[in-house]
C-alpha atoms as a PDB file:
ATOM      1  CA  UNK A   1      -3.213  78.322  -1.269  1.00  0.00           C
ATOM      2  CA  UNK A   2      -1.138  75.158  -1.102  1.00  0.00           C
ATOM      3  CA  UNK A   3      -2.329  71.778  -2.314  1.00  0.00           C
ATOM      4  CA  UNK A   4      -2.713  70.306   1.194  1.00  0.00           C
ATOM      5  CA  UNK A   5      -5.053  73.138   2.112  1.00  0.00           C
ATOM      6  CA  UNK A   6      -7.048  72.683  -1.112  1.00  0.00           C
ATOM      7  CA  UNK A   7      -7.286  68.945  -0.487  1.00  0.00           C
ATOM      8  CA  UNK A   8      -8.596  69.383   3.035  1.00  0.00           C
ATOM      9  CA  UNK A   9     -11.147  72.006   1.932  1.00  0.00           C
ATOM     10  CA  UNK A  10     -12.495  69.735  -0.809  1.00  0.00           C
ATOM     11  CA  UNK A  11     -12.627  66.769   1.608  1.00  0.00           C
ATOM     12  CA  UNK A  12     -14.541  68.858   4.168  1.00  0.00           C
ATOM     13  CA  UNK A  13     -16.985  70.042   1.513  1.00  0.00           C
ATOM     14  CA  UNK A  14     -17.597  66.434   0.429  1.00  0.00           C
ATOM     15  CA  UNK A  15     -18.370  65.450   4.030  1.00  0.00           C
ATOM     16  CA  UNK A  16     -20.781  68.395   4.437  1.00  0.00           C
ATOM     17  CA  UNK A  17     -22.589  67.558   1.208  1.00  0.00           C
ATOM     18  CA  UNK A  18     -22.809  63.859   2.153  1.00  0.00           C
ATOM     19  CA  UNK A  19     -24.472  64.765   5.449  1.00  0.00           C
ATOM     20  CA  UNK A  20     -26.919  67.094   3.684  1.00  0.00           C
ATOM     21  CA  UNK A  21     -27.639  64.477   1.016  1.00  0.00           C
ATOM     22  CA  UNK A  22     -28.398  61.855   3.656  1.00  0.00           C
ATOM     23  CA  UNK A  23     -30.781  64.251   5.418  1.00  0.00           C
ATOM     24  CA  UNK A  24     -32.499  65.173   2.141  1.00  0.00           C
ATOM     25  CA  UNK A  25     -32.965  61.509   1.238  1.00  0.00           C
ATOM     26  CA  UNK A  26     -34.438  60.766   4.669  1.00  0.00           C
ATOM     27  CA  UNK A  27     -36.945  63.613   4.177  1.00  0.00           C
ATOM     28  CA  UNK A  28     -37.925  62.334   0.732  1.00  0.00           C
ATOM     29  CA  UNK A  29     -36.409  65.310  -1.065  1.00  0.00           C
ATOM     30  CA  UNK A  30     -35.341  63.368  -4.148  1.00  0.00           C
ATOM     31  CA  UNK A  31     -34.399  66.291  -6.395  1.00  0.00           C
ATOM     32  CA  UNK A  32     -32.317  67.897  -3.657  1.00  0.00           C
ATOM     33  CA  UNK A  33     -30.676  64.546  -2.917  1.00  0.00           C
ATOM     34  CA  UNK A  34     -29.815  64.134  -6.615  1.00  0.00           C
ATOM     35  CA  UNK A  35     -28.314  67.626  -6.735  1.00  0.00           C
ATOM     36  CA  UNK A  36     -26.133  66.894  -3.708  1.00  0.00           C
ATOM     37  CA  UNK A  37     -24.996  63.604  -5.237  1.00  0.00           C
ATOM     38  CA  UNK A  38     -24.017  65.415  -8.433  1.00  0.00           C
ATOM     39  CA  UNK A  39     -22.078  67.996  -6.411  1.00  0.00           C
ATOM     40  CA  UNK A  40     -20.331  65.206  -4.487  1.00  0.00           C
ATOM     41  CA  UNK A  41     -19.362  63.494  -7.719  1.00  0.00           C
ATOM     42  CA  UNK A  42     -17.862  66.709  -9.095  1.00  0.00           C
ATOM     43  CA  UNK A  43     -15.982  67.352  -5.854  1.00  0.00           C
ATOM     44  CA  UNK A  44     -14.602  63.809  -5.850  1.00  0.00           C
ATOM     45  CA  UNK A  45     -13.328  64.346  -9.394  1.00  0.00           C
ATOM     46  CA  UNK A  46     -11.627  67.551  -8.222  1.00  0.00           C
ATOM     47  CA  UNK A  47     -10.143  65.707  -5.272  1.00  0.00           C
ATOM     48  CA  UNK A  48      -8.744  62.998  -7.519  1.00  0.00           C
ATOM     49  CA  UNK A  49      -7.192  65.615  -9.810  1.00  0.00           C
ATOM     50  CA  UNK A  50      -5.623  67.392  -6.842  1.00  0.00           C
ATOM     51  CA  UNK A  51      -4.218  64.125  -5.492  1.00  0.00           C
ATOM     52  CA  UNK A  52      -2.718  63.077  -8.814  1.00  0.00           C
ATOM     53  CA  UNK A  53      -1.536  66.491  -9.974  1.00  0.00           C
ATOM     54  CA  UNK A  54       2.082  66.386 -11.159  1.00  0.00           C
ATOM     55  CA  UNK A  55       2.679  69.856  -9.662  1.00  0.00           C
ATOM     56  CA  UNK A  56       1.439  69.247  -6.159  1.00  0.00           C
ATOM     57  CA  UNK A  57       3.669  70.136  -3.192  1.00  0.00           C
ATOM     58  CA  UNK A  58       2.823  67.476  -0.637  1.00  0.00           C
END
């Protein structure tokens, strides 16, 4: 899998989790919302590492 493909998959996953987090917050599901926010944070870290990787082929 090339780095562009990995980047787009991580970006899509972040968008999906953000939508789910927003819905959970609106429903008052605080624990679920917190879990989604943690997942988003981890995915954003991954995204940053992929973008700044010295071995990427973009």
